[in-house]
Protein backbone atom coordinates (compact mmCIF):
# COMPACT_ATOMS: atom_id res chain seq x y z
CA MET A 1 -26.95 -14.06 -5.12
CA THR A 2 -23.70 -12.56 -6.39
CA PRO A 3 -21.82 -15.08 -8.55
CA SER A 4 -18.35 -16.15 -7.49
CA VAL A 5 -15.32 -14.90 -9.38
CA LEU A 6 -14.92 -18.25 -11.13
CA GLU A 7 -18.63 -18.44 -11.98
CA LYS A 8 -18.44 -14.97 -13.50
CA LEU A 9 -15.40 -15.85 -15.60
CA ILE A 10 -16.94 -19.10 -16.82
CA ARG A 11 -20.19 -17.37 -17.68
CA ASN A 12 -18.28 -14.65 -19.52
CA ARG A 13 -16.34 -17.29 -21.42
CA LYS A 14 -19.55 -18.95 -22.60
CA THR A 15 -21.03 -15.65 -23.78
CA ASN A 16 -17.76 -14.28 -25.22
CA LYS A 17 -17.83 -11.39 -22.77
CA LYS A 18 -14.44 -9.88 -21.98
CA ALA A 19 -13.24 -8.66 -18.58
CA PHE A 20 -10.66 -6.19 -17.28
CA ALA A 21 -8.70 -6.35 -14.01
CA VAL A 22 -6.52 -3.62 -12.54
CA LEU A 23 -3.43 -4.96 -10.78
CA ILE A 24 -2.27 -2.98 -7.74
CA ASP A 25 1.10 -3.51 -6.07
CA PRO A 26 0.69 -2.54 -2.38
CA ASP A 27 4.29 -1.30 -2.29
CA LYS A 28 3.64 1.19 -5.09
CA THR A 29 0.27 2.59 -4.04
CA ASP A 30 -0.24 5.38 -1.50
CA PRO A 31 -3.69 6.16 0.00
CA VAL A 32 -4.27 9.27 -2.17
CA HIS A 33 -3.43 7.45 -5.40
CA CYS A 34 -5.49 4.47 -4.26
CA HIS A 35 -8.65 6.53 -3.76
CA GLY A 36 -8.34 8.07 -7.20
CA LEU A 37 -7.75 4.66 -8.75
CA ILE A 38 -10.81 3.19 -7.01
CA ARG A 39 -13.00 6.05 -8.22
CA SER A 40 -11.75 5.63 -11.77
CA ALA A 41 -12.31 1.85 -11.64
CA ILE A 42 -15.89 2.32 -10.44
CA GLU A 43 -16.66 4.97 -13.06
CA ASN A 44 -15.25 2.81 -15.83
CA ARG A 45 -16.81 -0.47 -14.68
CA VAL A 46 -13.60 -2.41 -14.06
CA ASP A 47 -14.41 -6.05 -13.31
CA PHE A 48 -11.76 -6.95 -10.73
CA PHE A 49 -8.94 -5.62 -8.60
CA PHE A 50 -5.92 -7.93 -8.45
CA ILE A 51 -3.72 -7.21 -5.43
CA GLY A 52 -0.15 -8.43 -5.11
CA GLY A 53 3.26 -8.77 -6.67
CA SER A 54 6.26 -11.06 -6.86
CA LEU A 55 7.99 -9.27 -3.98
CA ILE A 56 6.09 -7.24 -1.36
CA VAL A 57 8.26 -5.61 1.31
CA GLY A 58 5.76 -3.21 2.90
CA GLY A 59 2.83 -3.91 5.17
CA GLY A 60 0.14 -2.02 3.30
CA MET A 61 -1.78 -4.89 1.72
CA ASN A 62 -4.51 -5.14 4.35
CA LEU A 63 -5.02 -1.37 4.44
CA LEU A 64 -5.27 -1.30 0.65
CA ILE A 65 -7.83 -4.11 0.55
CA ARG A 66 -9.92 -2.53 3.31
CA SER A 67 -9.92 0.78 1.44
CA ILE A 68 -11.12 -0.88 -1.75
CA LYS A 69 -13.81 -2.85 0.09
CA GLU A 70 -14.98 0.28 1.91
CA HIS A 71 -15.41 2.34 -1.24
CA SER A 72 -16.43 -0.16 -3.92
CA SER A 73 -18.11 -3.50 -4.61
CA ILE A 74 -15.52 -4.56 -7.19
CA PRO A 75 -14.20 -8.05 -6.25
CA VAL A 76 -10.70 -8.10 -4.79
CA VAL A 77 -8.54 -11.03 -5.90
CA LEU A 78 -5.17 -11.77 -4.33
CA PHE A 79 -2.31 -12.30 -6.79
CA PRO A 80 0.28 -13.74 -4.40
CA GLY A 81 4.00 -14.06 -4.86
CA SER A 82 4.32 -16.39 -1.86
CA ASN A 83 2.40 -17.91 1.02
CA LEU A 84 3.09 -14.71 2.97
CA HIS A 85 0.76 -12.74 0.72
CA ILE A 86 -2.52 -14.11 2.06
CA ASP A 87 -5.10 -11.69 3.40
CA PRO A 88 -8.53 -13.10 4.38
CA SER A 89 -10.23 -9.74 3.87
CA ALA A 90 -10.07 -10.18 0.08
CA ASP A 91 -12.76 -12.01 -1.91
CA ALA A 92 -10.64 -14.59 -3.70
CA ILE A 93 -7.09 -15.76 -4.28
CA LEU A 94 -5.36 -17.01 -7.40
CA PHE A 95 -3.87 -20.28 -6.15
CA LEU A 96 -1.02 -20.11 -8.63
CA SER A 97 0.93 -23.17 -9.71
CA LEU A 98 3.86 -22.10 -11.90
CA ILE A 99 3.39 -24.81 -14.51
CA SER A 100 5.79 -23.21 -17.02
CA GLY A 101 8.69 -23.72 -14.61
CA ARG A 102 10.30 -26.68 -12.90
CA ASN A 103 10.86 -25.16 -9.47
CA PRO A 104 8.94 -27.45 -7.08
CA ASP A 105 8.50 -24.66 -4.54
CA TYR A 106 6.26 -22.76 -6.96
CA LEU A 107 4.60 -25.87 -8.36
CA ILE A 108 3.46 -27.23 -4.98
CA GLY A 109 5.78 -26.21 -2.12
CA GLN A 110 4.30 -22.80 -1.31
CA HIS A 111 0.83 -24.30 -1.67
CA VAL A 112 1.37 -26.91 1.06
CA ILE A 113 2.25 -24.14 3.52
CA ALA A 114 -0.66 -21.96 2.43
CA ALA A 115 -3.32 -24.70 2.32
CA PRO A 116 -4.26 -24.87 6.03
CA ILE A 117 -4.45 -21.08 6.22
CA LEU A 118 -6.68 -20.90 3.15
CA LYS A 119 -8.84 -23.76 4.42
CA LYS A 120 -9.79 -21.69 7.46
CA SER A 121 -10.47 -18.54 5.44
CA GLN A 122 -13.54 -17.52 3.49
CA LEU A 123 -11.50 -16.80 0.38
CA GLU A 124 -12.64 -18.28 -2.92
CA ILE A 125 -9.75 -20.49 -4.07
CA LEU A 126 -9.05 -20.11 -7.79
CA SER A 127 -6.82 -22.96 -8.94
CA THR A 128 -4.69 -21.34 -11.63
CA GLY A 129 -2.11 -22.69 -14.05
CA TYR A 130 0.40 -19.84 -14.11
CA MET A 131 2.67 -19.53 -17.14
CA LEU A 132 5.52 -17.08 -17.52
CA ILE A 133 6.11 -15.87 -21.08
CA ASP A 134 9.41 -14.38 -22.21
CA SER A 135 9.06 -10.61 -22.47
CA GLY A 136 12.44 -9.62 -23.82
CA LYS A 137 14.09 -9.10 -20.44
CA GLN A 138 14.30 -10.81 -17.06
CA THR A 139 11.42 -9.77 -14.81
CA THR A 140 11.08 -9.86 -11.05
CA VAL A 141 8.88 -12.95 -11.12
CA SER A 142 11.32 -14.97 -13.24
CA TYR A 143 14.18 -13.95 -10.93
CA ILE A 144 12.31 -14.65 -7.68
CA SER A 145 10.89 -17.96 -8.92
CA ASN A 146 14.21 -19.03 -10.48
CA THR A 147 12.41 -20.33 -13.57
CA THR A 148 12.83 -19.91 -17.32
CA PRO A 149 9.87 -18.33 -19.15
CA ILE A 150 8.32 -19.98 -22.19
CA PRO A 151 9.97 -18.53 -25.33
CA TYR A 152 7.94 -15.76 -26.91
CA ASP A 153 7.86 -17.50 -30.31
CA LYS A 154 6.83 -20.96 -29.04
CA PRO A 155 3.01 -20.94 -28.96
CA ASP A 156 2.84 -24.74 -29.19
CA VAL A 157 4.89 -25.09 -26.00
CA ALA A 158 2.50 -22.69 -24.28
CA ALA A 159 -0.53 -24.59 -25.59
CA CYS A 160 0.77 -27.97 -24.40
CA THR A 161 1.62 -26.49 -21.00
CA ALA A 162 -1.87 -25.00 -20.73
CA MET A 163 -3.46 -28.31 -21.72
CA ALA A 164 -1.46 -30.11 -19.05
CA GLY A 165 -2.60 -27.56 -16.49
CA GLU A 166 -6.24 -28.02 -17.44
CA MET A 167 -5.89 -31.82 -17.30
CA LEU A 168 -4.38 -31.49 -13.81
CA GLY A 169 -7.54 -29.68 -12.72
CA MET A 170 -6.61 -26.02 -13.05
CA LYS A 171 -9.73 -23.85 -13.41
CA LEU A 172 -7.91 -20.90 -14.99
CA ILE A 173 -4.87 -20.43 -17.21
CA TYR A 174 -2.80 -17.27 -16.75
CA LEU A 175 -0.27 -16.13 -19.38
CA ASP A 176 1.97 -13.52 -17.76
CA SER A 177 4.96 -11.67 -19.15
CA GLY A 178 5.71 -10.22 -15.72
CA SER A 179 5.77 -6.78 -14.17
CA GLY A 180 7.50 -4.21 -16.35
CA ALA A 181 7.63 -6.55 -19.34
CA GLN A 182 8.74 -5.13 -22.67
CA LYS A 183 5.98 -6.99 -24.49
CA THR A 184 2.96 -9.11 -23.69
CA ALA A 185 2.20 -12.62 -24.93
CA SER A 186 1.83 -12.63 -28.71
CA PRO A 187 -1.63 -12.81 -30.31
CA GLN A 188 -0.54 -16.07 -31.95
CA MET A 189 0.34 -17.61 -28.58
CA ILE A 190 -2.89 -16.40 -26.95
CA ALA A 191 -4.97 -17.76 -29.83
CA THR A 192 -3.16 -21.11 -29.78
CA VAL A 193 -3.70 -21.50 -26.04
CA ARG A 194 -7.33 -20.41 -26.37
CA ARG A 195 -8.00 -23.15 -28.95
CA SER A 196 -6.30 -25.73 -26.72
CA VAL A 197 -8.24 -25.33 -23.45
CA ASP A 198 -11.82 -24.79 -22.37
CA VAL A 199 -11.13 -22.90 -19.13
CA PRO A 200 -10.94 -19.08 -19.02
CA VAL A 201 -7.63 -17.58 -20.15
CA ILE A 202 -6.07 -14.59 -18.36
CA VAL A 203 -3.37 -12.46 -20.00
CA GLY A 204 -1.20 -9.89 -18.23
CA GLY A 205 2.17 -8.18 -18.29
CA GLY A 206 3.42 -5.73 -20.88
CA ILE A 207 0.05 -4.20 -21.80
CA THR A 208 0.77 -0.49 -22.11
CA SER A 209 -1.88 0.66 -24.58
CA ALA A 210 -5.56 0.17 -25.35
CA ALA A 211 -4.57 -1.25 -28.73
CA GLN A 212 -2.50 -4.00 -27.08
CA ALA A 213 -5.39 -4.77 -24.74
CA VAL A 214 -7.80 -5.13 -27.65
CA GLU A 215 -5.32 -7.27 -29.57
CA SER A 216 -4.99 -9.67 -26.62
CA LEU A 217 -8.75 -9.87 -26.12
CA GLN A 218 -9.49 -10.43 -29.78
CA ALA A 219 -6.82 -13.15 -29.88
CA GLY A 220 -8.72 -15.07 -27.20
CA ALA A 221 -7.99 -13.68 -23.73
CA ASP A 222 -11.08 -13.73 -21.51
CA LEU A 223 -9.56 -11.38 -18.95
CA ILE A 224 -6.72 -8.89 -19.28
CA VAL A 225 -4.72 -7.63 -16.30
CA VAL A 226 -2.98 -4.24 -16.39
CA GLY A 227 -0.81 -2.80 -13.64
CA ASN A 228 2.39 -0.95 -14.54
CA GLY A 229 0.83 0.67 -17.59
CA ILE A 230 -1.83 2.32 -15.42
CA GLU A 231 0.74 3.30 -12.78
CA ARG A 232 2.64 5.23 -15.44
CA ASN A 233 -0.43 6.55 -17.25
CA PRO A 234 -3.70 6.70 -15.25
CA ASP A 235 -5.59 7.66 -18.43
CA LEU A 236 -4.93 4.15 -19.71
CA LEU A 237 -7.58 2.74 -17.36
CA PRO A 238 -10.58 4.52 -18.97
CA GLU A 239 -9.11 3.96 -22.43
CA ILE A 240 -8.90 0.20 -21.96
CA ALA A 241 -12.25 0.03 -20.16
CA ALA A 242 -13.95 1.79 -23.07
CA GLN A 243 -12.48 -0.69 -25.54
CA VAL A 244 -13.54 -3.68 -23.42
CA GLN A 245 -17.09 -2.33 -23.21
CA ALA A 246 -17.14 -1.75 -26.98
CA LEU A 247 -16.04 -5.33 -27.63
CA ASN A 248 -18.74 -6.64 -25.29
CA GLN A 249 -21.39 -4.50 -26.94
CA ALA A 250 -20.36 -5.75 -30.36
CA ALA A 251 -20.59 -9.35 -29.10
CA ILE A 252 -24.17 -8.72 -27.93
CA VAL A 253 -25.16 -7.28 -31.31
CA GLU A 254 -23.69 -10.29 -33.09
């Protein structure tokens, strides 16, 4: 039986195995580009596709998910910006609570509206403590959510926020600098959060090189998420995948 997304992440965490997710924004992906991206993900053994964005104005999400499901067995995880971004044809959904902010709509409001829809679906619900990290500029997600990111140089604030999320029952912690970020969460912040919680830690936003990906993983991220970097440079996908596989091979040898 194929393990659930959460089971896979927990198992990876226990064995120190790292994972790599490709984030696709439906508004930025045409069918031709999508097919090439799917082929590359399969060839390079990408672990997950994350689908979504802070603001989706087109209607291509379902078509994108169906195309991925038709051509690959890579799990598709929704990364929603609102309760409007639910598609039951995916495998799972990050049920994001923006615990770094104080906007009640993104702490619980959107969730109340989405709950009855999700209850009727077959989606795996991944309760996720979502934390925005300052990236050097305002990102779409900070603007849309009307929240202030955690300062880049405050790892203790991030750690306490992550601990609170875990104590509230969150199964995952997600550190995100946002789409188009100038920099990702610092290795010090990732390491501090990693030491503070037992649940898997996801890191995304601002990863534009294989070196940054490795740095985040070695600092303690269990799963890295890359979107814009791959949109700008498709060669980044195999470069990062190769580094993730090398880290996992080294962990087996040890």
